[in-house]
PDB file of N, CA and C in Angstrom:
ATOM      1  N   MET A   1      85.308  86.724 105.539  1.00  0.00           N
ATOM      2  CA  MET A   1      85.119  86.673 104.570  1.00  0.00           C
ATOM      3  C   MET A   1      86.695  87.090 103.860  1.00  0.00           C
ATOM      4  N   THR A   2      87.028  86.675 102.257  1.00  0.00           N
ATOM      5  CA  THR A   2      88.041  87.044 102.269  1.00  0.00           C
ATOM      6  C   THR A   2      87.913  88.220 100.848  1.00  0.00           C
ATOM      7  N   VAL A   3      88.913  89.610 101.155  1.00  0.00           N
ATOM      8  CA  VAL A   3      88.288  90.365 100.842  1.00  0.00           C
ATOM      9  C   VAL A   3      90.504  90.682  99.868  1.00  0.00           C
ATOM     10  N   PHE A   4      90.339  91.884  98.889  1.00  0.00           N
ATOM     11  CA  PHE A   4      91.344  92.346  98.371  1.00  0.00           C
ATOM     12  C   PHE A   4      91.353  93.933  98.845  1.00  0.00           C
ATOM     13  N   MET A   5      92.784  94.046  99.737  1.00  0.00           N
ATOM     14  CA  MET A   5      93.049  95.573 100.316  1.00  0.00           C
ATOM     15  C   MET A   5      93.124  96.072  99.204  1.00  0.00           C
ATOM     16  N   LEU A   6      93.062  97.444  99.294  1.00  0.00           N
ATOM     17  CA  LEU A   6      94.097  98.261  98.468  1.00  0.00           C
ATOM     18  C   LEU A   6      95.314  99.198  99.438  1.00  0.00           C
ATOM     19  N   MET A   7      96.565  98.984  98.923  1.00  0.00           N
ATOM     20  CA  MET A   7      97.057  99.565 100.007  1.00  0.00           C
ATOM     21  C   MET A   7      98.081 100.332  99.004  1.00  0.00           C
ATOM     22  N   CYS A   8      98.296 101.998  99.970  1.00  0.00           N
ATOM     23  CA  CYS A   8      98.423 103.030  99.135  1.00  0.00           C
ATOM     24  C   CYS A   8      99.833 103.316 100.055  1.00  0.00           C
ATOM     25  N   TYR A   9     101.034 103.392  99.641  1.00  0.00           N
ATOM     26  CA  TYR A   9     102.139 104.127  99.785  1.00  0.00           C
ATOM     27  C   TYR A   9     102.198 104.972  99.012  1.00  0.00           C
ATOM     28  N   LEU A  10     102.537 106.236 100.364  1.00  0.00           N
ATOM     29  CA  LEU A  10     103.172 108.099 100.278  1.00  0.00           C
ATOM     30  C   LEU A  10     104.905 107.451  99.763  1.00  0.00           C
ATOM     31  N   ASN A  11     105.834 107.756  99.026  1.00  0.00           N
ATOM     32  CA  ASN A  11     107.149 108.051  99.751  1.00  0.00           C
ATOM     33  C   ASN A  11     107.587 106.161  99.793  1.00  0.00           C
ATOM     34  N   ASN A  12     106.994 105.325  99.739  1.00  0.00           N
ATOM     35  CA  ASN A  12     106.748 104.295 100.421  1.00  0.00           C
ATOM     36  C   ASN A  12     107.377 104.270 101.966  1.00  0.00           C
ATOM     37  N   VAL A  13     106.188 105.059 102.374  1.00  0.00           N
ATOM     38  CA  VAL A  13     105.739 104.697 103.620  1.00  0.00           C
ATOM     39  C   VAL A  13     104.034 104.288 103.361  1.00  0.00           C
ATOM     40  N   PHE A  14     103.786 103.191 104.587  1.00  0.00           N
ATOM     41  CA  PHE A  14     102.270 103.325 103.962  1.00  0.00           C
ATOM     42  C   PHE A  14     101.654 104.017 104.405  1.00  0.00           C
ATOM     43  N   ASP A  15      99.897 104.697 103.515  1.00  0.00           N
ATOM     44  CA  ASP A  15      99.278 105.647 104.183  1.00  0.00           C
ATOM     45  C   ASP A  15      98.003 105.320 103.917  1.00  0.00           C
ATOM     46  N   ALA A  16      97.010 104.581 103.535  1.00  0.00           N
ATOM     47  CA  ALA A  16      96.321 104.160 103.695  1.00  0.00           C
ATOM     48  C   ALA A  16      95.543 102.848 103.056  1.00  0.00           C
ATOM     49  N   GLY A  17      94.430 102.529 103.711  1.00  0.00           N
ATOM     50  CA  GLY A  17      93.992 100.583 103.016  1.00  0.00           C
ATOM     51  C   GLY A  17      92.305 100.029 103.364  1.00  0.00           C
ATOM     52  N   ILE A  18      91.893 100.214 101.696  1.00  0.00           N
ATOM     53  CA  ILE A  18      90.198 100.443 101.320  1.00  0.00           C
ATOM     54  C   ILE A  18      90.310  98.969 100.949  1.00  0.00           C
ATOM     55  N   TYR A  19      88.959  98.452 102.017  1.00  0.00           N
ATOM     56  CA  TYR A  19      89.307  96.697 101.068  1.00  0.00           C
ATOM     57  C   TYR A  19      88.213  96.421 100.691  1.00  0.00           C
ATOM     58  N   PHE A  20      87.785  95.980  99.676  1.00  0.00           N
ATOM     59  CA  PHE A  20      86.983  95.651  98.037  1.00  0.00           C
ATOM     60  C   PHE A  20      86.938  93.921  98.393  1.00  0.00           C
ATOM     61  N   LYS A  21      85.242  93.668  97.841  1.00  0.00           N
ATOM     62  CA  LYS A  21      84.760  92.120  97.979  1.00  0.00           C
ATOM     63  C   LYS A  21      85.655  91.851  96.620  1.00  0.00           C
ATOM     64  N   ASP A  22      85.830  92.687  95.483  1.00  0.00           N
ATOM     65  CA  ASP A  22      85.642  92.307  94.147  1.00  0.00           C
ATOM     66  C   ASP A  22      87.421  93.131  93.588  1.00  0.00           C
ATOM     67  N   VAL A  23      87.960  91.445  93.328  1.00  0.00           N
ATOM     68  CA  VAL A  23      89.747  91.575  92.909  1.00  0.00           C
ATOM     69  C   VAL A  23      89.873  93.191  91.567  1.00  0.00           C
ATOM     70  N   ASN A  24      88.864  93.389  90.493  1.00  0.00           N
ATOM     71  CA  ASN A  24      88.507  94.320  89.714  1.00  0.00           C
ATOM     72  C   ASN A  24      88.429  95.643  90.438  1.00  0.00           C
ATOM     73  N   GLU A  25      87.415  96.035  90.977  1.00  0.00           N
ATOM     74  CA  GLU A  25      87.298  96.801  91.877  1.00  0.00           C
ATOM     75  C   GLU A  25      88.617  97.635  92.721  1.00  0.00           C
ATOM     76  N   CYS A  26      89.522  96.780  93.138  1.00  0.00           N
ATOM     77  CA  CYS A  26      90.404  96.579  93.655  1.00  0.00           C
ATOM     78  C   CYS A  26      91.363  97.282  92.846  1.00  0.00           C
ATOM     79  N   LEU A  27      91.137  96.724  91.676  1.00  0.00           N
ATOM     80  CA  LEU A  27      92.280  97.394  90.742  1.00  0.00           C
ATOM     81  C   LEU A  27      92.601  98.538  90.048  1.00  0.00           C
ATOM     82  N   TYR A  28      91.339  98.408  89.624  1.00  0.00           N
ATOM     83  CA  TYR A  28      90.808  99.665  88.992  1.00  0.00           C
ATOM     84  C   TYR A  28      91.363 101.482  90.164  1.00  0.00           C
ATOM     85  N   TYR A  29      91.088 100.948  91.289  1.00  0.00           N
ATOM     86  CA  TYR A  29      91.904 102.397  92.102  1.00  0.00           C
ATOM     87  C   TYR A  29      93.248 102.242  92.548  1.00  0.00           C
ATOM     88  N   ALA A  30      93.632 100.774  92.356  1.00  0.00           N
ATOM     89  CA  ALA A  30      95.435 100.906  92.220  1.00  0.00           C
ATOM     90  C   ALA A  30      95.815 101.609  91.394  1.00  0.00           C
ATOM     91  N   ASP A  31      95.225 101.276  90.098  1.00  0.00           N
ATOM     92  CA  ASP A  31      95.829 102.198  88.557  1.00  0.00           C
ATOM     93  C   ASP A  31      95.665 103.247  88.425  1.00  0.00           C
ATOM     94  N   LYS A  32      93.921 104.096  89.253  1.00  0.00           N
ATOM     95  CA  LYS A  32      94.252 105.275  88.833  1.00  0.00           C
ATOM     96  C   LYS A  32      94.642 105.848  89.952  1.00  0.00           C
ATOM     97  N   LEU A  33      94.953 105.635  91.491  1.00  0.00           N
ATOM     98  CA  LEU A  33      96.114 106.342  91.762  1.00  0.00           C
ATOM     99  C   LEU A  33      97.323 106.176  92.441  1.00  0.00           C
ATOM    100  N   THR A  34      97.536 105.143  91.501  1.00  0.00           N
ATOM    101  CA  THR A  34      99.176 104.620  91.460  1.00  0.00           C
ATOM    102  C   THR A  34      99.861 106.331  90.277  1.00  0.00           C
ATOM    103  N   GLY A  35     101.242 106.489  91.255  1.00  0.00           N
ATOM    104  CA  GLY A  35     101.396 107.571  89.916  1.00  0.00           C
ATOM    105  C   GLY A  35     101.389 109.221  90.266  1.00  0.00           C
ATOM    106  N   GLN A  36     100.008 109.174  91.129  1.00  0.00           N
ATOM    107  CA  GLN A  36      99.807 110.593  91.180  1.00  0.00           C
ATOM    108  C   GLN A  36     100.869 111.549  92.401  1.00  0.00           C
ATOM    109  N   LYS A  37     101.187 112.433  91.845  1.00  0.00           N
ATOM    110  CA  LYS A  37     101.490 113.437  92.387  1.00  0.00           C
ATOM    111  C   LYS A  37     101.291 114.132  93.674  1.00  0.00           C
ATOM    112  N   ILE A  38     102.119 114.313  94.603  1.00  0.00           N
ATOM    113  CA  ILE A  38     101.434 115.454  95.481  1.00  0.00           C
ATOM    114  C   ILE A  38     102.646 116.214  95.940  1.00  0.00           C
ATOM    115  N   ASN A  39     102.351 117.752  95.451  1.00  0.00           N
ATOM    116  CA  ASN A  39     103.362 118.345  95.696  1.00  0.00           C
ATOM    117  C   ASN A  39     103.711 119.229  97.719  1.00  0.00           C
ATOM    118  N   VAL A  40     104.458 119.300  97.398  1.00  0.00           N
ATOM    119  CA  VAL A  40     104.950 119.903  98.885  1.00  0.00           C
ATOM    120  C   VAL A  40     106.456 120.387  99.014  1.00  0.00           C
ATOM    121  N   PRO A  41     105.985 122.077  99.844  1.00  0.00           N
ATOM    122  CA  PRO A  41     107.300 122.202 100.488  1.00  0.00           C
ATOM    123  C   PRO A  41     108.758 121.870 100.008  1.00  0.00           C
ATOM    124  N   ILE A  42     109.767 121.823  98.699  1.00  0.00           N
ATOM    125  CA  ILE A  42     110.894 121.303  98.710  1.00  0.00           C
ATOM    126  C   ILE A  42     110.531 120.250  97.832  1.00  0.00           C
ATOM    127  N   LYS A  43     109.879 119.135  98.131  1.00  0.00           N
ATOM    128  CA  LYS A  43     110.337 117.374  97.151  1.00  0.00           C
ATOM    129  C   LYS A  43     108.421 118.133  96.859  1.00  0.00           C
ATOM    130  N   VAL A  44     108.148 116.786  96.039  1.00  0.00           N
ATOM    131  CA  VAL A  44     107.078 116.457  95.052  1.00  0.00           C
ATOM    132  C   VAL A  44     107.140 114.681  95.145  1.00  0.00           C
ATOM    133  N   GLU A  45     105.850 114.284  96.678  1.00  0.00           N
ATOM    134  CA  GLU A  45     106.015 112.918  97.142  1.00  0.00           C
ATOM    135  C   GLU A  45     104.996 112.645  95.543  1.00  0.00           C
ATOM    136  N   LYS A  46     105.179 110.607  95.925  1.00  0.00           N
ATOM    137  CA  LYS A  46     104.268 110.147  94.581  1.00  0.00           C
ATOM    138  C   LYS A  46     103.929 108.808  95.196  1.00  0.00           C
ATOM    139  N   TYR A  47     102.544 108.775  94.754  1.00  0.00           N
ATOM    140  CA  TYR A  47     101.071 107.681  95.600  1.00  0.00           C
ATOM    141  C   TYR A  47     101.511 106.505  94.758  1.00  0.00           C
ATOM    142  N   GLU A  48     102.267 105.652  95.441  1.00  0.00           N
ATOM    143  CA  GLU A  48     101.351 104.041  94.510  1.00  0.00           C
ATOM    144  C   GLU A  48     100.913 103.013  95.203  1.00  0.00           C
ATOM    145  N   CYS A  49     100.384 102.072  94.456  1.00  0.00           N
ATOM    146  CA  CYS A  49      98.783 101.363  95.526  1.00  0.00           C
ATOM    147  C   CYS A  49      98.912 100.282  95.037  1.00  0.00           C
ATOM    148  N   MET A  50      99.051  99.037  95.687  1.00  0.00           N
ATOM    149  CA  MET A  50      98.835  97.657  95.335  1.00  0.00           C
ATOM    150  C   MET A  50      97.395  97.258  95.488  1.00  0.00           C
ATOM    151  N   CYS A  51      97.140  95.448  95.197  1.00  0.00           N
ATOM    152  CA  CYS A  51      96.156  94.986  95.991  1.00  0.00           C
ATOM    153  C   CYS A  51      96.691  93.694  96.506  1.00  0.00           C
ATOM    154  N   LYS A  52      96.528  93.123  97.918  1.00  0.00           N
ATOM    155  CA  LYS A  52      96.639  92.298  98.116  1.00  0.00           C
ATOM    156  C   LYS A  52      95.327  91.293  99.027  1.00  0.00           C
ATOM    157  N   LEU A  53      95.702  90.502  98.891  1.00  0.00           N
ATOM    158  CA  LEU A  53      94.523  89.197  99.316  1.00  0.00           C
ATOM    159  C   LEU A  53      95.008  89.400 100.238  1.00  0.00           C
ATOM    160  N   ILE A  54      93.158  89.597 101.275  1.00  0.00           N
ATOM    161  CA  ILE A  54      93.963  88.761 102.970  1.00  0.00           C
ATOM    162  C   ILE A  54      92.356  88.238 103.163  1.00  0.00           C
ATOM    163  N   PRO A  55      93.306  87.018 103.378  1.00  0.00           N
ATOM    164  CA  PRO A  55      92.711  85.347 103.816  1.00  0.00           C
ATOM    165  C   PRO A  55      90.897  85.781 104.666  1.00  0.00           C
ATOM    166  N   SER A  56      91.114  86.665 105.515  1.00  0.00           N
ATOM    167  CA  SER A  56      89.595  86.676 106.382  1.00  0.00           C
ATOM    168  C   SER A  56      89.865  88.276 106.608  1.00  0.00           C
ATOM    169  N   VAL A  57      88.384  88.715 107.685  1.00  0.00           N
ATOM    170  CA  VAL A  57      88.177  89.871 107.894  1.00  0.00           C
ATOM    171  C   VAL A  57      87.155  89.632 108.868  1.00  0.00           C
ATOM    172  N   ASP A  58      86.235  90.646 109.843  1.00  0.00           N
ATOM    173  CA  ASP A  58      85.365  90.504 110.416  1.00  0.00           C
ATOM    174  C   ASP A  58      84.625  91.538 109.659  1.00  0.00           C
ATOM    175  N   GLU A  59      83.635  91.260 109.038  1.00  0.00           N
ATOM    176  CA  GLU A  59      82.772  92.222 108.380  1.00  0.00           C
ATOM    177  C   GLU A  59      82.185  94.242 109.111  1.00  0.00           C
ATOM    178  N   LYS A  60      82.024  93.173 110.623  1.00  0.00           N
ATOM    179  CA  LYS A  60      80.773  93.462 111.296  1.00  0.00           C
ATOM    180  C   LYS A  60      82.552  94.962 112.214  1.00  0.00           C
ATOM    181  N   LYS A  61      83.997  94.607 111.971  1.00  0.00           N
ATOM    182  CA  LYS A  61      84.971  95.446 112.396  1.00  0.00           C
ATOM    183  C   LYS A  61      85.047  96.123 110.902  1.00  0.00           C
ATOM    184  N   VAL A  62      85.503  95.691 110.228  1.00  0.00           N
ATOM    185  CA  VAL A  62      85.895  96.451 108.600  1.00  0.00           C
ATOM    186  C   VAL A  62      84.649  96.407 107.995  1.00  0.00           C
ATOM    187  N   LYS A  63      84.508  97.818 107.581  1.00  0.00           N
ATOM    188  CA  LYS A  63      84.004  98.424 106.132  1.00  0.00           C
ATOM    189  C   LYS A  63      84.420  97.714 104.724  1.00  0.00           C
ATOM    190  N   VAL A  64      84.333  96.968 104.307  1.00  0.00           N
ATOM    191  CA  VAL A  64      84.691  96.182 102.805  1.00  0.00           C
ATOM    192  C   VAL A  64      83.702  96.865 101.573  1.00  0.00           C
ATOM    193  N   TYR A  65      83.797  97.514 100.448  1.00  0.00           N
ATOM    194  CA  TYR A  65      83.064  97.934  99.508  1.00  0.00           C
ATOM    195  C   TYR A  65      83.105  97.286  98.483  1.00  0.00           C
TER     196      TYR A  65
END
């Protein structure tokens, strides 16, 4: 099955990924999450998300929304 992976980075380090069947769902969450700021002692960290096409995943091993 072809899916779209929401890839989120915290200060350019991969933090999380979620799989979606629909690109519009993926883009919606990428838009809402990108730019959020997380306050930690000393600095402010920024979340950046994007969607990536994944040609095939095994739905038995990966949860797809």
